[in-house]
Amino acid sequence: MQKEVRLGKEVPLANPWKTFAVAASVVALVSVFVAIYYANQYSDAEERLAISLQQNGVLAEEIQANQVKLKSLDTGMEKFITGNFDKIPMKGEGFPMQEDALVDVFWDKESKEVLISVNQLAALDEENDYQLWAIGEDGPIGIGLVNPGKRIDLQTMNIASGAQAFAITIEPKGGSESPTLEKLVVLGEVS
C-alpha cells in the first residue's frame, strides 16, 4: 500500500480500483433499473399491440358482414329503383294481434315483383312465422315468409299478379297453404 505524507503525517493513498469499482457498481445498478423500465415498456407495448390486433380482427369481421348486408340491400334497392313499384301501406290498427304493426309492401304490377319493408313487427316464438299473402280473385296466395328482424331491408317475395290486397298472418313454422284469419296481423288494400 502506498502512502502519502501530508502535514507531516503519512496518509494512505486511496486505491484507484476502489473508485472504479464503485463507479462500475453504480453504472450496473442504473443499467439494471433502465433495463427493467424498458422491459416493462416493451411488455405494455406488446399487450397494446395484441389488443389492437384483436380489435382490428373484430372490425374486419364487422366490415365483411356489413358488406354482405349492403350487397343484399343493393339488390333490393336496384330492383326498387329500376321498377315501377306502388306502395301499399299495411297497418295493424284494429287487429288485436299486433295493433302497432307497420309494414310496407311495394308491388310492381307489370313485373309482378313484390318487395316488403318491415317497420314494426313483434318477434315470434320459434314455432311460428309471418307469412305474406296476395289476395286476388282466386283468393289468398302465400307469396313468402317475412323476417320481422330485417328492418330497413327490402325483402324480396314471390311474384303476385292481380292482387287486390296484401295481408300478413301468423302461421306455423314454414308457412301454410291457406291463411289463419284469426291471426291476421296487417292488411293493406291496393288502390
C-alpha atoms as a PDB file:
ATOM      1  CA  MET A   1       0.000   0.000   0.000  1.00  0.00           C
ATOM      2  CA  GLN A   2       1.302   3.380  -0.922  1.00  0.00           C
ATOM      3  CA  LYS A   3       1.311   6.253   1.489  1.00  0.00           C
ATOM      4  CA  GLU A   4       1.458   9.976   1.055  1.00  0.00           C
ATOM      5  CA  VAL A   5       2.911  12.428   3.517  1.00  0.00           C
ATOM      6  CA  ARG A   6       0.630  15.321   4.425  1.00  0.00           C
ATOM      7  CA  LEU A   7       1.387  17.885   7.035  1.00  0.00           C
ATOM      8  CA  GLY A   8       3.980  15.646   8.430  1.00  0.00           C
ATOM      9  CA  LYS A   9       1.745  12.611   8.664  1.00  0.00           C
ATOM     10  CA  GLU A  10       1.635   9.587   6.482  1.00  0.00           C
ATOM     11  CA  VAL A  11      -1.816   9.123   4.923  1.00  0.00           C
ATOM     12  CA  PRO A  12      -2.575   6.006   2.944  1.00  0.00           C
ATOM     13  CA  LEU A  13      -3.349   6.695  -0.739  1.00  0.00           C
ATOM     14  CA  ALA A  14      -6.799   5.735  -1.969  1.00  0.00           C
ATOM     15  CA  ASN A  15      -6.781   2.717  -4.196  1.00  0.00           C
ATOM     16  CA  PRO A  16      -7.867   3.845  -7.669  1.00  0.00           C
ATOM     17  CA  TRP A  17      -9.513   0.460  -8.244  1.00  0.00           C
ATOM     18  CA  LYS A  18     -11.951   1.081  -5.436  1.00  0.00           C
ATOM     19  CA  THR A  19     -13.182   4.247  -7.158  1.00  0.00           C
ATOM     20  CA  PHE A  20     -13.601   2.340 -10.420  1.00  0.00           C
ATOM     21  CA  ALA A  21     -15.397  -0.487  -8.625  1.00  0.00           C
ATOM     22  CA  VAL A  22     -17.860   1.924  -7.003  1.00  0.00           C
ATOM     23  CA  ALA A  23     -18.442   3.715 -10.309  1.00  0.00           C
ATOM     24  CA  ALA A  24     -18.948   0.388 -12.106  1.00  0.00           C
ATOM     25  CA  SER A  25     -21.393  -0.726  -9.411  1.00  0.00           C
ATOM     26  CA  VAL A  26     -23.416   2.473  -9.778  1.00  0.00           C
ATOM     27  CA  VAL A  27     -23.438   2.124 -13.576  1.00  0.00           C
ATOM     28  CA  ALA A  28     -24.520  -1.525 -13.282  1.00  0.00           C
ATOM     29  CA  LEU A  29     -27.285  -0.632 -10.842  1.00  0.00           C
ATOM     30  CA  VAL A  30     -28.565   2.176 -13.083  1.00  0.00           C
ATOM     31  CA  SER A  31     -28.381  -0.200 -16.084  1.00  0.00           C
ATOM     32  CA  VAL A  32     -30.487  -2.784 -14.235  1.00  0.00           C
ATOM     33  CA  PHE A  33     -33.163  -0.184 -13.428  1.00  0.00           C
ATOM     34  CA  VAL A  34     -33.149   1.114 -17.020  1.00  0.00           C
ATOM     35  CA  ALA A  35     -33.417  -2.464 -18.339  1.00  0.00           C
ATOM     36  CA  ILE A  36     -36.359  -3.192 -16.019  1.00  0.00           C
ATOM     37  CA  TYR A  37     -38.071   0.051 -17.088  1.00  0.00           C
ATOM     38  CA  TYR A  38     -37.719  -0.718 -20.808  1.00  0.00           C
ATOM     39  CA  ALA A  39     -38.756  -4.344 -20.290  1.00  0.00           C
ATOM     40  CA  ASN A  40     -41.982  -3.103 -18.694  1.00  0.00           C
ATOM     41  CA  GLN A  41     -42.484  -0.610 -21.523  1.00  0.00           C
ATOM     42  CA  TYR A  42     -41.951  -3.401 -24.073  1.00  0.00           C
ATOM     43  CA  SER A  43     -44.404  -5.648 -22.248  1.00  0.00           C
ATOM     44  CA  ASP A  44     -47.033  -2.877 -22.184  1.00  0.00           C
ATOM     45  CA  ALA A  45     -46.486  -2.127 -25.867  1.00  0.00           C
ATOM     46  CA  GLU A  46     -46.763  -5.816 -26.732  1.00  0.00           C
ATOM     47  CA  GLU A  47     -50.037  -6.066 -24.785  1.00  0.00           C
ATOM     48  CA  ARG A  48     -51.441  -2.968 -26.515  1.00  0.00           C
ATOM     49  CA  LEU A  49     -50.433  -4.424 -29.874  1.00  0.00           C
ATOM     50  CA  ALA A  50     -52.238  -7.696 -29.101  1.00  0.00           C
ATOM     51  CA  ILE A  51     -55.392  -5.773 -28.097  1.00  0.00           C
ATOM     52  CA  SER A  52     -55.179  -3.654 -31.255  1.00  0.00           C
ATOM     53  CA  LEU A  53     -54.811  -6.741 -33.442  1.00  0.00           C
ATOM     54  CA  GLN A  54     -57.825  -8.324 -31.765  1.00  0.00           C
ATOM     55  CA  GLN A  55     -59.888  -5.155 -32.257  1.00  0.00           C
ATOM     56  CA  ASN A  56     -58.798  -4.989 -35.902  1.00  0.00           C
ATOM     57  CA  GLY A  57     -59.981  -8.577 -36.375  1.00  0.00           C
ATOM     58  CA  VAL A  58     -63.388  -7.739 -34.900  1.00  0.00           C
ATOM     59  CA  LEU A  59     -63.664  -4.623 -37.085  1.00  0.00           C
ATOM     60  CA  ALA A  60     -62.697  -6.631 -40.177  1.00  0.00           C
ATOM     61  CA  GLU A  61     -65.455  -9.148 -39.419  1.00  0.00           C
ATOM     62  CA  GLU A  62     -67.976  -6.330 -38.928  1.00  0.00           C
ATOM     63  CA  ILE A  63     -66.927  -4.717 -42.201  1.00  0.00           C
ATOM     64  CA  GLN A  64     -67.316  -8.001 -44.037  1.00  0.00           C
ATOM     65  CA  ALA A  65     -70.771  -8.585 -42.510  1.00  0.00           C
ATOM     66  CA  ASN A  66     -71.823  -5.042 -43.433  1.00  0.00           C
ATOM     67  CA  GLN A  67     -70.588  -5.543 -47.000  1.00  0.00           C
ATOM     68  CA  VAL A  68     -72.773  -8.644 -47.298  1.00  0.00           C
ATOM     69  CA  LYS A  69     -75.749  -6.689 -45.923  1.00  0.00           C
ATOM     70  CA  LEU A  70     -75.013  -3.828 -48.298  1.00  0.00           C
ATOM     71  CA  LYS A  71     -74.909  -6.189 -51.281  1.00  0.00           C
ATOM     72  CA  SER A  72     -78.300  -7.670 -50.353  1.00  0.00           C
ATOM     73  CA  LEU A  73     -79.667  -4.179 -49.757  1.00  0.00           C
ATOM     74  CA  ASP A  74     -78.240  -3.057 -53.108  1.00  0.00           C
ATOM     75  CA  THR A  75     -80.059  -5.928 -54.853  1.00  0.00           C
ATOM     76  CA  GLY A  76     -83.406  -4.938 -53.315  1.00  0.00           C
ATOM     77  CA  MET A  77     -82.728  -1.242 -53.897  1.00  0.00           C
ATOM     78  CA  GLU A  78     -81.708  -1.905 -57.504  1.00  0.00           C
ATOM     79  CA  LYS A  79     -84.994  -3.707 -58.127  1.00  0.00           C
ATOM     80  CA  PHE A  80     -86.854  -0.926 -56.351  1.00  0.00           C
ATOM     81  CA  ILE A  81     -85.161   1.858 -58.317  1.00  0.00           C
ATOM     82  CA  THR A  82     -85.497   0.195 -61.718  1.00  0.00           C
ATOM     83  CA  GLY A  83     -89.077  -0.995 -61.160  1.00  0.00           C
ATOM     84  CA  ASN A  84     -92.419   0.770 -61.151  1.00  0.00           C
ATOM     85  CA  PHE A  85     -93.490  -0.063 -57.613  1.00  0.00           C
ATOM     86  CA  ASP A  86     -96.647   1.069 -55.879  1.00  0.00           C
ATOM     87  CA  LYS A  87     -96.500   1.404 -52.117  1.00  0.00           C
ATOM     88  CA  ILE A  88     -99.193  -0.434 -50.186  1.00  0.00           C
ATOM     89  CA  PRO A  89     -99.060   0.580 -46.510  1.00  0.00           C
ATOM     90  CA  MET A  90    -100.158  -2.150 -44.125  1.00  0.00           C
ATOM     91  CA  LYS A  91    -101.120  -1.359 -40.545  1.00  0.00           C
ATOM     92  CA  GLY A  92    -102.203  -3.473 -37.619  1.00  0.00           C
ATOM     93  CA  GLU A  93    -104.744  -0.925 -36.403  1.00  0.00           C
ATOM     94  CA  GLY A  94    -107.945  -2.662 -35.464  1.00  0.00           C
ATOM     95  CA  PHE A  95    -106.414  -6.126 -35.352  1.00  0.00           C
ATOM     96  CA  PRO A  96    -105.933  -7.423 -31.814  1.00  0.00           C
ATOM     97  CA  MET A  97    -102.846  -9.495 -32.742  1.00  0.00           C
ATOM     98  CA  GLN A  98    -100.481  -6.532 -33.089  1.00  0.00           C
ATOM     99  CA  GLU A  99    -102.066  -3.106 -33.131  1.00  0.00           C
ATOM    100  CA  ASP A 100     -98.705  -1.361 -33.540  1.00  0.00           C
ATOM    101  CA  ALA A 101     -97.593  -3.498 -36.523  1.00  0.00           C
ATOM    102  CA  LEU A 102     -96.483  -1.465 -39.515  1.00  0.00           C
ATOM    103  CA  VAL A 103     -95.260  -2.913 -42.823  1.00  0.00           C
ATOM    104  CA  ASP A 104     -94.978  -1.543 -46.356  1.00  0.00           C
ATOM    105  CA  VAL A 105     -95.439  -3.689 -49.455  1.00  0.00           C
ATOM    106  CA  PHE A 106     -94.032  -2.468 -52.761  1.00  0.00           C
ATOM    107  CA  TRP A 107     -95.664  -4.100 -55.787  1.00  0.00           C
ATOM    108  CA  ASP A 108     -94.765  -3.657 -59.436  1.00  0.00           C
ATOM    109  CA  LYS A 109     -97.962  -4.582 -61.326  1.00  0.00           C
ATOM    110  CA  GLU A 110     -96.102  -5.012 -64.628  1.00  0.00           C
ATOM    111  CA  SER A 111     -93.248  -7.261 -63.490  1.00  0.00           C
ATOM    112  CA  LYS A 112     -95.401  -8.677 -60.639  1.00  0.00           C
ATOM    113  CA  GLU A 113     -92.425  -8.331 -58.279  1.00  0.00           C
ATOM    114  CA  VAL A 114     -93.151  -7.817 -54.592  1.00  0.00           C
ATOM    115  CA  LEU A 115     -90.804  -6.249 -52.039  1.00  0.00           C
ATOM    116  CA  ILE A 116     -91.611  -5.796 -48.373  1.00  0.00           C
ATOM    117  CA  SER A 117     -90.196  -3.434 -45.761  1.00  0.00           C
ATOM    118  CA  VAL A 118     -90.777  -4.199 -42.079  1.00  0.00           C
ATOM    119  CA  ASN A 119     -91.129  -1.107 -39.914  1.00  0.00           C
ATOM    120  CA  GLN A 120     -92.661  -2.717 -36.829  1.00  0.00           C
ATOM    121  CA  LEU A 121     -93.447  -6.393 -36.255  1.00  0.00           C
ATOM    122  CA  ALA A 122     -93.080  -8.162 -32.930  1.00  0.00           C
ATOM    123  CA  ALA A 123     -90.713 -11.120 -32.708  1.00  0.00           C
ATOM    124  CA  LEU A 124     -92.353 -14.546 -32.795  1.00  0.00           C
ATOM    125  CA  ASP A 125     -91.549 -17.768 -30.987  1.00  0.00           C
ATOM    126  CA  GLU A 126     -89.612 -20.416 -32.899  1.00  0.00           C
ATOM    127  CA  GLU A 127     -92.750 -22.377 -33.767  1.00  0.00           C
ATOM    128  CA  ASN A 128     -94.337 -19.616 -35.899  1.00  0.00           C
ATOM    129  CA  ASP A 129     -93.580 -17.443 -38.921  1.00  0.00           C
ATOM    130  CA  TYR A 130     -95.119 -14.377 -40.508  1.00  0.00           C
ATOM    131  CA  GLN A 131     -96.488 -15.159 -43.958  1.00  0.00           C
ATOM    132  CA  LEU A 132     -97.357 -12.623 -46.672  1.00  0.00           C
ATOM    133  CA  TRP A 133    -100.491 -13.227 -48.741  1.00  0.00           C
ATOM    134  CA  ALA A 134    -101.547 -11.700 -52.058  1.00  0.00           C
ATOM    135  CA  ILE A 135    -105.336 -11.608 -52.101  1.00  0.00           C
ATOM    136  CA  GLY A 136    -106.963 -11.602 -55.537  1.00  0.00           C
ATOM    137  CA  GLU A 137    -109.972 -13.046 -57.375  1.00  0.00           C
ATOM    138  CA  ASP A 138    -108.685 -16.583 -56.767  1.00  0.00           C
ATOM    139  CA  GLY A 139    -108.394 -15.956 -53.009  1.00  0.00           C
ATOM    140  CA  PRO A 140    -105.264 -15.603 -50.874  1.00  0.00           C
ATOM    141  CA  ILE A 141    -101.960 -16.962 -52.222  1.00  0.00           C
ATOM    142  CA  GLY A 142     -98.920 -17.248 -49.974  1.00  0.00           C
ATOM    143  CA  ILE A 143     -96.021 -15.353 -51.530  1.00  0.00           C
ATOM    144  CA  GLY A 144     -93.343 -15.714 -48.876  1.00  0.00           C
ATOM    145  CA  LEU A 145     -92.281 -15.662 -45.264  1.00  0.00           C
ATOM    146  CA  VAL A 146     -91.495 -12.312 -43.677  1.00  0.00           C
ATOM    147  CA  ASN A 147     -88.470 -11.873 -41.425  1.00  0.00           C
ATOM    148  CA  PRO A 148     -89.501  -9.396 -38.671  1.00  0.00           C
ATOM    149  CA  GLY A 149     -85.862  -8.829 -37.689  1.00  0.00           C
ATOM    150  CA  LYS A 150     -84.887  -7.461 -41.116  1.00  0.00           C
ATOM    151  CA  ARG A 151     -85.794  -3.847 -40.653  1.00  0.00           C
ATOM    152  CA  ILE A 152     -84.836  -1.228 -43.209  1.00  0.00           C
ATOM    153  CA  ASP A 153     -84.005  -4.010 -45.703  1.00  0.00           C
ATOM    154  CA  LEU A 154     -86.252  -4.669 -48.660  1.00  0.00           C
ATOM    155  CA  GLN A 155     -87.189  -8.349 -48.575  1.00  0.00           C
ATOM    156  CA  THR A 156     -87.943  -9.958 -51.920  1.00  0.00           C
ATOM    157  CA  MET A 157     -91.128 -12.042 -52.023  1.00  0.00           C
ATOM    158  CA  ASN A 158     -92.556 -14.308 -54.734  1.00  0.00           C
ATOM    159  CA  ILE A 159     -94.359 -12.658 -57.631  1.00  0.00           C
ATOM    160  CA  ALA A 160     -98.022 -11.707 -57.349  1.00  0.00           C
ATOM    161  CA  SER A 161    -100.460 -10.975 -60.136  1.00  0.00           C
ATOM    162  CA  GLY A 162    -103.919  -9.456 -59.886  1.00  0.00           C
ATOM    163  CA  ALA A 163    -103.665  -8.667 -56.180  1.00  0.00           C
ATOM    164  CA  GLN A 164    -106.395  -6.520 -54.694  1.00  0.00           C
ATOM    165  CA  ALA A 165    -104.876  -6.597 -51.199  1.00  0.00           C
ATOM    166  CA  PHE A 166    -101.925  -7.924 -49.242  1.00  0.00           C
ATOM    167  CA  ALA A 167    -102.043  -9.371 -45.728  1.00  0.00           C
ATOM    168  CA  ILE A 168     -99.704 -10.884 -43.173  1.00  0.00           C
ATOM    169  CA  THR A 169    -100.767 -13.654 -40.819  1.00  0.00           C
ATOM    170  CA  ILE A 170     -99.006 -15.694 -38.184  1.00  0.00           C
ATOM    171  CA  GLU A 171     -98.628 -19.276 -39.381  1.00  0.00           C
ATOM    172  CA  PRO A 172     -96.904 -22.424 -38.127  1.00  0.00           C
ATOM    173  CA  LYS A 173     -93.160 -22.604 -38.903  1.00  0.00           C
ATOM    174  CA  GLY A 174     -92.599 -22.805 -42.664  1.00  0.00           C
ATOM    175  CA  GLY A 175     -95.960 -21.282 -43.610  1.00  0.00           C
ATOM    176  CA  SER A 176     -99.380 -22.646 -44.555  1.00  0.00           C
ATOM    177  CA  GLU A 177    -101.374 -23.376 -47.694  1.00  0.00           C
ATOM    178  CA  SER A 178    -104.180 -21.088 -46.532  1.00  0.00           C
ATOM    179  CA  PRO A 179    -104.144 -18.163 -44.092  1.00  0.00           C
ATOM    180  CA  THR A 180    -105.153 -18.434 -40.455  1.00  0.00           C
ATOM    181  CA  LEU A 181    -107.541 -15.477 -40.387  1.00  0.00           C
ATOM    182  CA  GLU A 182    -107.752 -15.431 -36.578  1.00  0.00           C
ATOM    183  CA  LYS A 183    -104.060 -14.492 -36.620  1.00  0.00           C
ATOM    184  CA  LEU A 184    -104.307 -11.632 -39.108  1.00  0.00           C
ATOM    185  CA  VAL A 185    -101.635  -9.065 -38.272  1.00  0.00           C
ATOM    186  CA  VAL A 186    -101.814  -6.431 -41.027  1.00  0.00           C
ATOM    187  CA  LEU A 187    -103.854  -5.770 -44.152  1.00  0.00           C
ATOM    188  CA  GLY A 188    -103.334  -3.324 -46.999  1.00  0.00           C
ATOM    189  CA  GLU A 189    -105.608  -2.749 -49.963  1.00  0.00           C
ATOM    190  CA  VAL A 190    -104.249  -1.991 -53.415  1.00  0.00           C
ATOM    191  CA  SER A 191    -105.552   1.334 -54.700  1.00  0.00           C
END
